[in-house]
Each structure stands twice: as C-alpha cells, then as structure tokens.
Amino acid sequence: MTDIIKFCNTNVGFLSAVTSLLSIVLAAIAIFVSINVSKRQCRISLLDQRIKVIESIDVFCKSLYKDSFDLSKHKRISKAQITSLFDKDAYLIYEKIYSYGETIKQLQGNKRFAKKT
C-alpha cells in the first residue's frame, strides 16, 4: 500500500490520467444508458399506439355482426397511421374489412328501402 502511495506522489500525471480516463468511461456508460432508456420508451409508445389501432379495428369487426350496424359511428383509420405502425399488408386487410362494412351499410339501406315498398 505504501508503494502505491509513493508511486502516486512521484507520478502526479499518472493519477490525473487515470481519473480522466475513468470519467470518460463513466460518461460513455451514462450516454449508453440514456439512449437505451429512450429507445425502450419509444417501443412502449409504439406498442400503445398499435394496441389502440387493433382495439378500434376489433370494435369495428364486432359491430359488423350487429343488426344495428352504423358505419358513420366508426372513425376510419388512415393509411399512414396503419402503415407506420404495422406494414402495407395490414392496411390491405383493414381496407378489406372496411369494404365489408360499406357493403353491409348498402345492404341495410336496400333492406330499409324494401320494407318501405
């Protein structure tokens, strides 16, 4: 232990270099940790947005089976929103489901018209 103290007393620059190197390493670790935390928060936010879109599509699909289906009650999800959260195929599937809703609305209109005549 006394040898270490003597070495540090005679080589002051060495101790400064070690503390500088240690501070650089700690700063790099802090930057790495902050970047990972921000990426994790972005992934969580993206997951929340995906869940909202999936839930709205689920509500839409469940309402297709009801006799009182009303297309105007459902807000259409934009192509940009779906493709940014999922992929192109997910939007094509959503378009197909939404077209079924439009067909049901048209058939309901024909049913009401047929009841009137």
PDB file of N, CA and C in Angstrom:
ATOM      1  N   MET A   1       0.821  -1.188   0.000  1.00  0.00           N
ATOM      2  CA  MET A   1       0.000   0.000   0.000  1.00  0.00           C
ATOM      3  C   MET A   1       0.870   1.259   0.000  1.00  0.00           C
ATOM      4  N   THR A   2       1.929   1.219   0.779  1.00  0.00           N
ATOM      5  CA  THR A   2       2.828   2.372   0.827  1.00  0.00           C
ATOM      6  C   THR A   2       3.542   2.574  -0.503  1.00  0.00           C
ATOM      7  N   ASP A   3       3.780   1.484  -1.224  1.00  0.00           N
ATOM      8  CA  ASP A   3       4.416   1.603  -2.543  1.00  0.00           C
ATOM      9  C   ASP A   3       3.492   2.337  -3.520  1.00  0.00           C
ATOM     10  N   ILE A   4       2.191   2.061  -3.431  1.00  0.00           N
ATOM     11  CA  ILE A   4       1.212   2.723  -4.309  1.00  0.00           C
ATOM     12  C   ILE A   4       1.163   4.209  -4.002  1.00  0.00           C
ATOM     13  N   ILE A   5       1.180   4.549  -2.734  1.00  0.00           N
ATOM     14  CA  ILE A   5       1.136   5.956  -2.330  1.00  0.00           C
ATOM     15  C   ILE A   5       2.393   6.681  -2.804  1.00  0.00           C
ATOM     16  N   LYS A   6       3.540   6.054  -2.667  1.00  0.00           N
ATOM     17  CA  LYS A   6       4.792   6.659  -3.127  1.00  0.00           C
ATOM     18  C   LYS A   6       4.785   6.844  -4.644  1.00  0.00           C
ATOM     19  N   PHE A   7       4.264   5.822  -5.357  1.00  0.00           N
ATOM     20  CA  PHE A   7       4.203   5.907  -6.818  1.00  0.00           C
ATOM     21  C   PHE A   7       3.305   7.069  -7.253  1.00  0.00           C
ATOM     22  N   CYS A   8       2.145   7.207  -6.587  1.00  0.00           N
ATOM     23  CA  CYS A   8       1.208   8.285  -6.928  1.00  0.00           C
ATOM     24  C   CYS A   8       1.799   9.657  -6.585  1.00  0.00           C
ATOM     25  N   ASN A   9       2.545   9.748  -5.504  1.00  0.00           N
ATOM     26  CA  ASN A   9       3.170  11.021  -5.135  1.00  0.00           C
ATOM     27  C   ASN A   9       4.247  11.437  -6.126  1.00  0.00           C
ATOM     28  N   THR A  10       4.977  10.485  -6.634  1.00  0.00           N
ATOM     29  CA  THR A  10       6.051  10.806  -7.576  1.00  0.00           C
ATOM     30  C   THR A  10       5.537  11.015  -8.995  1.00  0.00           C
ATOM     31  N   ASN A  11       4.425  10.361  -9.352  1.00  0.00           N
ATOM     32  CA  ASN A  11       3.846  10.458 -10.707  1.00  0.00           C
ATOM     33  C   ASN A  11       2.454  11.075 -10.644  1.00  0.00           C
ATOM     34  N   VAL A  12       2.377  12.362 -10.440  1.00  0.00           N
ATOM     35  CA  VAL A  12       1.094  13.052 -10.304  1.00  0.00           C
ATOM     36  C   VAL A  12       0.296  12.991 -11.609  1.00  0.00           C
ATOM     37  N   GLY A  13       0.955  13.059 -12.726  1.00  0.00           N
ATOM     38  CA  GLY A  13       0.283  13.000 -14.027  1.00  0.00           C
ATOM     39  C   GLY A  13      -0.415  11.669 -14.267  1.00  0.00           C
ATOM     40  N   PHE A  14       0.162  10.600 -13.738  1.00  0.00           N
ATOM     41  CA  PHE A  14      -0.444   9.281 -13.906  1.00  0.00           C
ATOM     42  C   PHE A  14      -1.804   9.223 -13.225  1.00  0.00           C
ATOM     43  N   LEU A  15      -1.900   9.751 -12.024  1.00  0.00           N
ATOM     44  CA  LEU A  15      -3.171   9.750 -11.295  1.00  0.00           C
ATOM     45  C   LEU A  15      -4.213  10.605 -12.004  1.00  0.00           C
ATOM     46  N   SER A  16      -3.799  11.729 -12.547  1.00  0.00           N
ATOM     47  CA  SER A  16      -4.714  12.588 -13.310  1.00  0.00           C
ATOM     48  C   SER A  16      -5.204  11.871 -14.557  1.00  0.00           C
ATOM     49  N   ALA A  17      -4.324  11.158 -15.220  1.00  0.00           N
ATOM     50  CA  ALA A  17      -4.712  10.418 -16.432  1.00  0.00           C
ATOM     51  C   ALA A  17      -5.709   9.318 -16.100  1.00  0.00           C
ATOM     52  N   VAL A  18      -5.493   8.625 -15.003  1.00  0.00           N
ATOM     53  CA  VAL A  18      -6.405   7.545 -14.605  1.00  0.00           C
ATOM     54  C   VAL A  18      -7.782   8.123 -14.270  1.00  0.00           C
ATOM     55  N   THR A  19      -7.834   9.221 -13.526  1.00  0.00           N
ATOM     56  CA  THR A  19      -9.140   9.812 -13.180  1.00  0.00           C
ATOM     57  C   THR A  19      -9.833  10.369 -14.415  1.00  0.00           C
ATOM     58  N   SER A  20      -9.078  10.934 -15.352  1.00  0.00           N
ATOM     59  CA  SER A  20      -9.672  11.421 -16.602  1.00  0.00           C
ATOM     60  C   SER A  20     -10.253  10.271 -17.411  1.00  0.00           C
ATOM     61  N   LEU A  21      -9.496   9.198 -17.501  1.00  0.00           N
ATOM     62  CA  LEU A  21      -9.978   8.025 -18.233  1.00  0.00           C
ATOM     63  C   LEU A  21     -11.224   7.443 -17.571  1.00  0.00           C
ATOM     64  N   LEU A  22     -11.226   7.417 -16.263  1.00  0.00           N
ATOM     65  CA  LEU A  22     -12.387   6.915 -15.533  1.00  0.00           C
ATOM     66  C   LEU A  22     -13.616   7.786 -15.776  1.00  0.00           C
ATOM     67  N   SER A  23     -13.445   9.089 -15.809  1.00  0.00           N
ATOM     68  CA  SER A  23     -14.584   9.984 -16.055  1.00  0.00           C
ATOM     69  C   SER A  23     -15.111   9.826 -17.478  1.00  0.00           C
ATOM     70  N   ILE A  24     -14.220   9.589 -18.451  1.00  0.00           N
ATOM     71  CA  ILE A  24     -14.656   9.368 -19.835  1.00  0.00           C
ATOM     72  C   ILE A  24     -15.451   8.073 -19.937  1.00  0.00           C
ATOM     73  N   VAL A  25     -14.996   7.030 -19.285  1.00  0.00           N
ATOM     74  CA  VAL A  25     -15.708   5.746 -19.304  1.00  0.00           C
ATOM     75  C   VAL A  25     -17.083   5.889 -18.658  1.00  0.00           C
ATOM     76  N   LEU A  26     -17.150   6.584 -17.538  1.00  0.00           N
ATOM     77  CA  LEU A  26     -18.448   6.781 -16.867  1.00  0.00           C
ATOM     78  C   LEU A  26     -19.396   7.614 -17.712  1.00  0.00           C
ATOM     79  N   ALA A  27     -18.888   8.620 -18.411  1.00  0.00           N
ATOM     80  CA  ALA A  27     -19.727   9.431 -19.297  1.00  0.00           C
ATOM     81  C   ALA A  27     -20.268   8.588 -20.451  1.00  0.00           C
ATOM     82  N   ALA A  28     -19.429   7.722 -21.007  1.00  0.00           N
ATOM     83  CA  ALA A  28     -19.883   6.845 -22.101  1.00  0.00           C
ATOM     84  C   ALA A  28     -20.967   5.885 -21.612  1.00  0.00           C
ATOM     85  N   ILE A  29     -20.806   5.370 -20.420  1.00  0.00           N
ATOM     86  CA  ILE A  29     -21.826   4.474 -19.849  1.00  0.00           C
ATOM     87  C   ILE A  29     -23.135   5.232 -19.643  1.00  0.00           C
ATOM     88  N   ALA A  30     -23.055   6.466 -19.158  1.00  0.00           N
ATOM     89  CA  ALA A  30     -24.267   7.270 -18.942  1.00  0.00           C
ATOM     90  C   ALA A  30     -24.983   7.548 -20.258  1.00  0.00           C
ATOM     91  N   ILE A  31     -24.233   7.850 -21.305  1.00  0.00           N
ATOM     92  CA  ILE A  31     -24.838   8.084 -22.622  1.00  0.00           C
ATOM     93  C   ILE A  31     -25.498   6.816 -23.139  1.00  0.00           C
ATOM     94  N   PHE A  32     -24.833   5.694 -23.012  1.00  0.00           N
ATOM     95  CA  PHE A  32     -25.377   4.414 -23.457  1.00  0.00           C
ATOM     96  C   PHE A  32     -26.683   4.083 -22.726  1.00  0.00           C
ATOM     97  N   VAL A  33     -26.705   4.299 -21.427  1.00  0.00           N
ATOM     98  CA  VAL A  33     -27.909   4.014 -20.635  1.00  0.00           C
ATOM     99  C   VAL A  33     -29.055   4.932 -21.043  1.00  0.00           C
ATOM    100  N   SER A  34     -28.781   6.207 -21.260  1.00  0.00           N
ATOM    101  CA  SER A  34     -29.850   7.134 -21.638  1.00  0.00           C
ATOM    102  C   SER A  34     -30.423   6.809 -23.017  1.00  0.00           C
ATOM    103  N   ILE A  35     -29.578   6.401 -23.946  1.00  0.00           N
ATOM    104  CA  ILE A  35     -30.066   6.015 -25.277  1.00  0.00           C
ATOM    105  C   ILE A  35     -30.946   4.776 -25.185  1.00  0.00           C
ATOM    106  N   ASN A  36     -30.544   3.791 -24.404  1.00  0.00           N
ATOM    107  CA  ASN A  36     -31.355   2.576 -24.251  1.00  0.00           C
ATOM    108  C   ASN A  36     -32.686   2.868 -23.593  1.00  0.00           C
ATOM    109  N   VAL A  37     -32.711   3.749 -22.625  1.00  0.00           N
ATOM    110  CA  VAL A  37     -33.971   4.097 -21.962  1.00  0.00           C
ATOM    111  C   VAL A  37     -34.902   4.800 -22.942  1.00  0.00           C
ATOM    112  N   SER A  38     -34.371   5.708 -23.753  1.00  0.00           N
ATOM    113  CA  SER A  38     -35.228   6.402 -24.713  1.00  0.00           C
ATOM    114  C   SER A  38     -35.767   5.453 -25.781  1.00  0.00           C
ATOM    115  N   LYS A  39     -34.960   4.493 -26.226  1.00  0.00           N
ATOM    116  CA  LYS A  39     -35.438   3.501 -27.195  1.00  0.00           C
ATOM    117  C   LYS A  39     -36.555   2.653 -26.596  1.00  0.00           C
ATOM    118  N   ARG A  40     -36.384   2.281 -25.342  1.00  0.00           N
ATOM    119  CA  ARG A  40     -37.404   1.479 -24.671  1.00  0.00           C
ATOM    120  C   ARG A  40     -38.713   2.267 -24.554  1.00  0.00           C
ATOM    121  N   GLN A  41     -38.620   3.552 -24.240  1.00  0.00           N
ATOM    122  CA  GLN A  41     -39.824   4.371 -24.131  1.00  0.00           C
ATOM    123  C   GLN A  41     -40.505   4.512 -25.488  1.00  0.00           C
ATOM    124  N   CYS A  42     -39.723   4.620 -26.551  1.00  0.00           N
ATOM    125  CA  CYS A  42     -40.309   4.695 -27.896  1.00  0.00           C
ATOM    126  C   CYS A  42     -41.027   3.398 -28.251  1.00  0.00           C
ATOM    127  N   ARG A  43     -40.424   2.270 -27.892  1.00  0.00           N
ATOM    128  CA  ARG A  43     -41.065   0.973 -28.172  1.00  0.00           C
ATOM    129  C   ARG A  43     -42.368   0.832 -27.401  1.00  0.00           C
ATOM    130  N   ILE A  44     -42.380   1.299 -26.161  1.00  0.00           N
ATOM    131  CA  ILE A  44     -43.602   1.227 -25.355  1.00  0.00           C
ATOM    132  C   ILE A  44     -44.681   2.114 -25.958  1.00  0.00           C
ATOM    133  N   SER A  45     -44.299   3.305 -26.392  1.00  0.00           N
ATOM    134  CA  SER A  45     -45.257   4.218 -27.017  1.00  0.00           C
ATOM    135  C   SER A  45     -45.814   3.621 -28.308  1.00  0.00           C
ATOM    136  N   LEU A  46     -44.949   3.022 -29.103  1.00  0.00           N
ATOM    137  CA  LEU A  46     -45.385   2.388 -30.345  1.00  0.00           C
ATOM    138  C   LEU A  46     -46.336   1.235 -30.056  1.00  0.00           C
ATOM    139  N   LEU A  47     -46.048   0.466 -29.031  1.00  0.00           N
ATOM    140  CA  LEU A  47     -46.925  -0.640 -28.654  1.00  0.00           C
ATOM    141  C   LEU A  47     -48.295  -0.112 -28.230  1.00  0.00           C
ATOM    142  N   ASP A  48     -48.327   0.971 -27.466  1.00  0.00           N
ATOM    143  CA  ASP A  48     -49.604   1.561 -27.060  1.00  0.00           C
ATOM    144  C   ASP A  48     -50.414   2.015 -28.269  1.00  0.00           C
ATOM    145  N   GLN A  49     -49.754   2.636 -29.245  1.00  0.00           N
ATOM    146  CA  GLN A  49     -50.454   3.084 -30.446  1.00  0.00           C
ATOM    147  C   GLN A  49     -50.979   1.895 -31.246  1.00  0.00           C
ATOM    148  N   ARG A  50     -50.191   0.849 -31.337  1.00  0.00           N
ATOM    149  CA  ARG A  50     -50.651  -0.349 -32.054  1.00  0.00           C
ATOM    150  C   ARG A  50     -51.869  -0.961 -31.369  1.00  0.00           C
ATOM    151  N   ILE A  51     -51.829  -1.007 -30.056  1.00  0.00           N
ATOM    152  CA  ILE A  51     -52.961  -1.574 -29.310  1.00  0.00           C
ATOM    153  C   ILE A  51     -54.226  -0.761 -29.557  1.00  0.00           C
ATOM    154  N   LYS A  52     -54.123   0.567 -29.593  1.00  0.00           N
ATOM    155  CA  LYS A  52     -55.297   1.407 -29.861  1.00  0.00           C
ATOM    156  C   LYS A  52     -55.879   1.121 -31.241  1.00  0.00           C
ATOM    157  N   VAL A  53     -55.012   0.985 -32.242  1.00  0.00           N
ATOM    158  CA  VAL A  53     -55.494   0.696 -33.600  1.00  0.00           C
ATOM    159  C   VAL A  53     -56.149  -0.682 -33.643  1.00  0.00           C
ATOM    160  N   ILE A  54     -55.529  -1.663 -33.024  1.00  0.00           N
ATOM    161  CA  ILE A  54     -56.095  -3.022 -33.017  1.00  0.00           C
ATOM    162  C   ILE A  54     -57.439  -3.033 -32.292  1.00  0.00           C
ATOM    163  N   GLU A  55     -57.544  -2.302 -31.185  1.00  0.00           N
ATOM    164  CA  GLU A  55     -58.815  -2.255 -30.457  1.00  0.00           C
ATOM    165  C   GLU A  55     -59.906  -1.592 -31.289  1.00  0.00           C
ATOM    166  N   SER A  56     -59.572  -0.517 -32.002  1.00  0.00           N
ATOM    167  CA  SER A  56     -60.603   0.138 -32.826  1.00  0.00           C
ATOM    168  C   SER A  56     -61.037  -0.764 -33.976  1.00  0.00           C
ATOM    169  N   ILE A  57     -60.106  -1.515 -34.565  1.00  0.00           N
ATOM    170  CA  ILE A  57     -60.480  -2.469 -35.621  1.00  0.00           C
ATOM    171  C   ILE A  57     -61.326  -3.598 -35.032  1.00  0.00           C
ATOM    172  N   ASP A  58     -60.986  -4.033 -33.830  1.00  0.00           N
ATOM    173  CA  ASP A  58     -61.755  -5.080 -33.165  1.00  0.00           C
ATOM    174  C   ASP A  58     -63.189  -4.627 -32.892  1.00  0.00           C
ATOM    175  N   VAL A  59     -63.346  -3.402 -32.414  1.00  0.00           N
ATOM    176  CA  VAL A  59     -64.698  -2.865 -32.166  1.00  0.00           C
ATOM    177  C   VAL A  59     -65.472  -2.791 -33.474  1.00  0.00           C
ATOM    178  N   PHE A  60     -64.793  -2.351 -34.530  1.00  0.00           N
ATOM    179  CA  PHE A  60     -65.439  -2.271 -35.835  1.00  0.00           C
ATOM    180  C   PHE A  60     -65.895  -3.646 -36.312  1.00  0.00           C
ATOM    181  N   CYS A  61     -65.002  -4.641 -36.179  1.00  0.00           N
ATOM    182  CA  CYS A  61     -65.344  -6.003 -36.633  1.00  0.00           C
ATOM    183  C   CYS A  61     -66.491  -6.590 -35.823  1.00  0.00           C
ATOM    184  N   LYS A  62     -66.489  -6.362 -34.522  1.00  0.00           N
ATOM    185  CA  LYS A  62     -67.579  -6.887 -33.690  1.00  0.00           C
ATOM    186  C   LYS A  62     -68.904  -6.235 -34.022  1.00  0.00           C
ATOM    187  N   SER A  63     -68.857  -4.951 -34.393  1.00  0.00           N
ATOM    188  CA  SER A  63     -70.118  -4.274 -34.710  1.00  0.00           C
ATOM    189  C   SER A  63     -70.667  -4.694 -36.067  1.00  0.00           C
ATOM    190  N   LEU A  64     -69.844  -5.306 -36.914  1.00  0.00           N
ATOM    191  CA  LEU A  64     -70.323  -5.779 -38.213  1.00  0.00           C
ATOM    192  C   LEU A  64     -71.410  -6.839 -38.063  1.00  0.00           C
ATOM    193  N   TYR A  65     -71.370  -7.579 -36.966  1.00  0.00           N
ATOM    194  CA  TYR A  65     -72.311  -8.677 -36.775  1.00  0.00           C
ATOM    195  C   TYR A  65     -73.647  -8.226 -36.201  1.00  0.00           C
ATOM    196  N   LYS A  66     -73.750  -6.973 -35.801  1.00  0.00           N
ATOM    197  CA  LYS A  66     -74.989  -6.491 -35.202  1.00  0.00           C
ATOM    198  C   LYS A  66     -75.943  -6.025 -36.291  1.00  0.00           C
ATOM    199  N   ASP A  67     -77.233  -6.146 -36.021  1.00  0.00           N
ATOM    200  CA  ASP A  67     -78.233  -5.676 -36.987  1.00  0.00           C
ATOM    201  C   ASP A  67     -78.249  -4.152 -37.067  1.00  0.00           C
ATOM    202  N   SER A  68     -77.848  -3.509 -35.994  1.00  0.00           N
ATOM    203  CA  SER A  68     -77.884  -2.048 -35.962  1.00  0.00           C
ATOM    204  C   SER A  68     -76.536  -1.436 -36.327  1.00  0.00           C
ATOM    205  N   PHE A  69     -75.831  -2.054 -37.259  1.00  0.00           N
ATOM    206  CA  PHE A  69     -74.519  -1.562 -37.665  1.00  0.00           C
ATOM    207  C   PHE A  69     -74.652  -0.191 -38.320  1.00  0.00           C
ATOM    208  N   ASP A  70     -73.834   0.743 -37.884  1.00  0.00           N
ATOM    209  CA  ASP A  70     -73.833   2.087 -38.460  1.00  0.00           C
ATOM    210  C   ASP A  70     -72.398   2.480 -38.775  1.00  0.00           C
ATOM    211  N   LEU A  71     -72.092   2.569 -40.041  1.00  0.00           N
ATOM    212  CA  LEU A  71     -70.735   2.857 -40.482  1.00  0.00           C
ATOM    213  C   LEU A  71     -70.286   4.256 -40.068  1.00  0.00           C
ATOM    214  N   SER A  72     -71.224   5.167 -39.968  1.00  0.00           N
ATOM    215  CA  SER A  72     -70.865   6.552 -39.631  1.00  0.00           C
ATOM    216  C   SER A  72     -70.374   6.694 -38.190  1.00  0.00           C
ATOM    217  N   LYS A  73     -70.654   5.713 -37.333  1.00  0.00           N
ATOM    218  CA  LYS A  73     -70.199   5.767 -35.940  1.00  0.00           C
ATOM    219  C   LYS A  73     -68.726   5.397 -35.806  1.00  0.00           C
ATOM    220  N   HIS A  74     -68.163   4.821 -36.854  1.00  0.00           N
ATOM    221  CA  HIS A  74     -66.780   4.354 -36.793  1.00  0.00           C
ATOM    222  C   HIS A  74     -65.866   5.304 -37.551  1.00  0.00           C
ATOM    223  N   LYS A  75     -64.841   5.760 -36.867  1.00  0.00           N
ATOM    224  CA  LYS A  75     -63.862   6.647 -37.480  1.00  0.00           C
ATOM    225  C   LYS A  75     -62.908   5.814 -38.325  1.00  0.00           C
ATOM    226  N   ARG A  76     -62.761   6.205 -39.563  1.00  0.00           N
ATOM    227  CA  ARG A  76     -61.863   5.471 -40.461  1.00  0.00           C
ATOM    228  C   ARG A  76     -60.407   5.758 -40.081  1.00  0.00           C
ATOM    229  N   ILE A  77     -59.611   4.724 -40.032  1.00  0.00           N
ATOM    230  CA  ILE A  77     -58.201   4.851 -39.690  1.00  0.00           C
ATOM    231  C   ILE A  77     -57.420   5.139 -40.969  1.00  0.00           C
ATOM    232  N   SER A  78     -56.525   6.101 -40.923  1.00  0.00           N
ATOM    233  CA  SER A  78     -55.806   6.497 -42.128  1.00  0.00           C
ATOM    234  C   SER A  78     -54.762   5.457 -42.533  1.00  0.00           C
ATOM    235  N   LYS A  79     -54.454   5.469 -43.822  1.00  0.00           N
ATOM    236  CA  LYS A  79     -53.450   4.548 -44.351  1.00  0.00           C
ATOM    237  C   LYS A  79     -52.087   4.822 -43.711  1.00  0.00           C
ATOM    238  N   ALA A  80     -51.762   6.099 -43.533  1.00  0.00           N
ATOM    239  CA  ALA A  80     -50.466   6.460 -42.948  1.00  0.00           C
ATOM    240  C   ALA A  80     -50.340   5.934 -41.517  1.00  0.00           C
ATOM    241  N   GLN A  81     -51.436   5.995 -40.772  1.00  0.00           N
ATOM    242  CA  GLN A  81     -51.390   5.535 -39.387  1.00  0.00           C
ATOM    243  C   GLN A  81     -51.149   4.028 -39.322  1.00  0.00           C
ATOM    244  N   ILE A  82     -51.839   3.280 -40.146  1.00  0.00           N
ATOM    245  CA  ILE A  82     -51.683   1.820 -40.119  1.00  0.00           C
ATOM    246  C   ILE A  82     -50.314   1.396 -40.658  1.00  0.00           C
ATOM    247  N   THR A  83     -49.889   1.971 -41.788  1.00  0.00           N
ATOM    248  CA  THR A  83     -48.615   1.548 -42.367  1.00  0.00           C
ATOM    249  C   THR A  83     -47.424   1.985 -41.525  1.00  0.00           C
ATOM    250  N   SER A  84     -47.559   3.075 -40.773  1.00  0.00           N
ATOM    251  CA  SER A  84     -46.436   3.472 -39.916  1.00  0.00           C
ATOM    252  C   SER A  84     -46.336   2.574 -38.688  1.00  0.00           C
ATOM    253  N   LEU A  85     -47.448   2.035 -38.239  1.00  0.00           N
ATOM    254  CA  LEU A  85     -47.423   1.169 -37.064  1.00  0.00           C
ATOM    255  C   LEU A  85     -47.216  -0.295 -37.421  1.00  0.00           C
ATOM    256  N   PHE A  86     -47.715  -0.704 -38.573  1.00  0.00           N
ATOM    257  CA  PHE A  86     -47.622  -2.104 -38.980  1.00  0.00           C
ATOM    258  C   PHE A  86     -46.894  -2.176 -40.322  1.00  0.00           C
ATOM    259  N   ASP A  87     -47.500  -2.793 -41.307  1.00  0.00           N
ATOM    260  CA  ASP A  87     -46.911  -2.834 -42.630  1.00  0.00           C
ATOM    261  C   ASP A  87     -48.009  -2.657 -43.669  1.00  0.00           C
ATOM    262  N   LYS A  88     -47.625  -2.730 -44.938  1.00  0.00           N
ATOM    263  CA  LYS A  88     -48.563  -2.494 -46.030  1.00  0.00           C
ATOM    264  C   LYS A  88     -49.687  -3.527 -46.046  1.00  0.00           C
ATOM    265  N   ASP A  89     -49.361  -4.767 -45.730  1.00  0.00           N
ATOM    266  CA  ASP A  89     -50.365  -5.829 -45.747  1.00  0.00           C
ATOM    267  C   ASP A  89     -51.453  -5.592 -44.700  1.00  0.00           C
ATOM    268  N   ALA A  90     -51.078  -5.032 -43.572  1.00  0.00           N
ATOM    269  CA  ALA A  90     -52.069  -4.745 -42.534  1.00  0.00           C
ATOM    270  C   ALA A  90     -53.079  -3.736 -43.037  1.00  0.00           C
ATOM    271  N   TYR A  91     -52.628  -2.758 -43.814  1.00  0.00           N
ATOM    272  CA  TYR A  91     -53.577  -1.780 -44.356  1.00  0.00           C
ATOM    273  C   TYR A  91     -54.496  -2.431 -45.379  1.00  0.00           C
ATOM    274  N   LEU A  92     -53.978  -3.336 -46.189  1.00  0.00           N
ATOM    275  CA  LEU A  92     -54.824  -4.017 -47.183  1.00  0.00           C
ATOM    276  C   LEU A  92     -55.906  -4.843 -46.491  1.00  0.00           C
ATOM    277  N   ILE A  93     -55.539  -5.480 -45.392  1.00  0.00           N
ATOM    278  CA  ILE A  93     -56.524  -6.248 -44.616  1.00  0.00           C
ATOM    279  C   ILE A  93     -57.583  -5.311 -44.044  1.00  0.00           C
ATOM    280  N   TYR A  94     -57.136  -4.174 -43.499  1.00  0.00           N
ATOM    281  CA  TYR A  94     -58.090  -3.203 -42.943  1.00  0.00           C
ATOM    282  C   TYR A  94     -59.021  -2.677 -44.037  1.00  0.00           C
ATOM    283  N   GLU A  95     -58.482  -2.401 -45.216  1.00  0.00           N
ATOM    284  CA  GLU A  95     -59.317  -1.926 -46.329  1.00  0.00           C
ATOM    285  C   GLU A  95     -60.392  -2.956 -46.687  1.00  0.00           C
ATOM    286  N   LYS A  96     -60.014  -4.213 -46.668  1.00  0.00           N
ATOM    287  CA  LYS A  96     -60.978  -5.280 -46.984  1.00  0.00           C
ATOM    288  C   LYS A  96     -62.089  -5.321 -45.931  1.00  0.00           C
ATOM    289  N   ILE A  97     -61.703  -5.227 -44.671  1.00  0.00           N
ATOM    290  CA  ILE A  97     -62.693  -5.234 -43.590  1.00  0.00           C
ATOM    291  C   ILE A  97     -63.601  -4.022 -43.716  1.00  0.00           C
ATOM    292  N   TYR A  98     -63.025  -2.854 -43.994  1.00  0.00           N
ATOM    293  CA  TYR A  98     -63.832  -1.641 -44.109  1.00  0.00           C
ATOM    294  C   TYR A  98     -64.775  -1.724 -45.303  1.00  0.00           C
ATOM    295  N   SER A  99     -64.332  -2.361 -46.384  1.00  0.00           N
ATOM    296  CA  SER A  99     -65.224  -2.514 -47.544  1.00  0.00           C
ATOM    297  C   SER A  99     -66.407  -3.426 -47.206  1.00  0.00           C
ATOM    298  N   TYR A 100     -66.177  -4.407 -46.315  1.00  0.00           N
ATOM    299  CA  TYR A 100     -67.299  -5.217 -45.853  1.00  0.00           C
ATOM    300  C   TYR A 100     -68.301  -4.352 -45.107  1.00  0.00           C
ATOM    301  N   GLY A 101     -67.806  -3.425 -44.315  1.00  0.00           N
ATOM    302  CA  GLY A 101     -68.689  -2.508 -43.598  1.00  0.00           C
ATOM    303  C   GLY A 101     -69.496  -1.652 -44.549  1.00  0.00           C
ATOM    304  N   GLU A 102     -68.862  -1.181 -45.615  1.00  0.00           N
ATOM    305  CA  GLU A 102     -69.583  -0.391 -46.609  1.00  0.00           C
ATOM    306  C   GLU A 102     -70.641  -1.236 -47.316  1.00  0.00           C
ATOM    307  N   THR A 103     -70.321  -2.495 -47.602  1.00  0.00           N
ATOM    308  CA  THR A 103     -71.288  -3.393 -48.230  1.00  0.00           C
ATOM    309  C   THR A 103     -72.473  -3.642 -47.308  1.00  0.00           C
ATOM    310  N   ILE A 104     -72.213  -3.846 -46.032  1.00  0.00           N
ATOM    311  CA  ILE A 104     -73.291  -4.058 -45.060  1.00  0.00           C
ATOM    312  C   ILE A 104     -74.159  -2.821 -44.977  1.00  0.00           C
ATOM    313  N   LYS A 105     -73.556  -1.649 -44.997  1.00  0.00           N
ATOM    314  CA  LYS A 105     -74.337  -0.406 -44.952  1.00  0.00           C
ATOM    315  C   LYS A 105     -75.241  -0.312 -46.172  1.00  0.00           C
ATOM    316  N   GLN A 106     -74.708  -0.669 -47.337  1.00  0.00           N
ATOM    317  CA  GLN A 106     -75.507  -0.630 -48.560  1.00  0.00           C
ATOM    318  C   GLN A 106     -76.647  -1.650 -48.502  1.00  0.00           C
ATOM    319  N   LEU A 107     -76.361  -2.841 -47.992  1.00  0.00           N
ATOM    320  CA  LEU A 107     -77.404  -3.857 -47.881  1.00  0.00           C
ATOM    321  C   LEU A 107     -78.477  -3.449 -46.883  1.00  0.00           C
ATOM    322  N   GLN A 108     -78.065  -2.803 -45.796  1.00  0.00           N
ATOM    323  CA  GLN A 108     -79.051  -2.324 -44.830  1.00  0.00           C
ATOM    324  C   GLN A 108     -79.949  -1.262 -45.449  1.00  0.00           C
ATOM    325  N   GLY A 109     -79.362  -0.421 -46.285  1.00  0.00           N
ATOM    326  CA  GLY A 109     -80.163   0.587 -46.989  1.00  0.00           C
ATOM    327  C   GLY A 109     -81.173  -0.065 -47.923  1.00  0.00           C
ATOM    328  N   ASN A 110     -80.738  -1.101 -48.607  1.00  0.00           N
ATOM    329  CA  ASN A 110     -81.645  -1.834 -49.505  1.00  0.00           C
ATOM    330  C   ASN A 110     -82.741  -2.525 -48.693  1.00  0.00           C
ATOM    331  N   LYS A 111     -82.413  -3.028 -47.517  1.00  0.00           N
ATOM    332  CA  LYS A 111     -83.391  -3.688 -46.657  1.00  0.00           C
ATOM    333  C   LYS A 111     -84.432  -2.692 -46.186  1.00  0.00           C
ATOM    334  N   ARG A 112     -83.991  -1.499 -45.765  1.00  0.00           N
ATOM    335  CA  ARG A 112     -84.936  -0.460 -45.346  1.00  0.00           C
ATOM    336  C   ARG A 112     -85.824  -0.009 -46.502  1.00  0.00           C
ATOM    337  N   PHE A 113     -85.205   0.104 -47.689  1.00  0.00           N
ATOM    338  CA  PHE A 113     -85.969   0.502 -48.859  1.00  0.00           C
ATOM    339  C   PHE A 113     -87.022  -0.561 -49.202  1.00  0.00           C
ATOM    340  N   ALA A 114     -86.621  -1.835 -49.068  1.00  0.00           N
ATOM    341  CA  ALA A 114     -87.549  -2.928 -49.388  1.00  0.00           C
ATOM    342  C   ALA A 114     -88.696  -2.967 -48.377  1.00  0.00           C
ATOM    343  N   LYS A 115     -88.450  -2.613 -47.125  1.00  0.00           N
ATOM    344  CA  LYS A 115     -89.511  -2.608 -46.124  1.00  0.00           C
ATOM    345  C   LYS A 115     -90.512  -1.499 -46.376  1.00  0.00           C
ATOM    346  N   LYS A 116     -90.036  -0.385 -46.951  1.00  0.00           N
ATOM    347  CA  LYS A 116     -90.921   0.751 -47.211  1.00  0.00           C
ATOM    348  C   LYS A 116     -91.866   0.468 -48.378  1.00  0.00           C
ATOM    349  N   THR A 117     -91.437  -0.331 -49.339  1.00  0.00           N
ATOM    350  CA  THR A 117     -92.275  -0.561 -50.516  1.00  0.00           C
ATOM    351  C   THR A 117     -93.144  -1.769 -50.387  1.00  0.00           C
TER     352      THR A 117
END
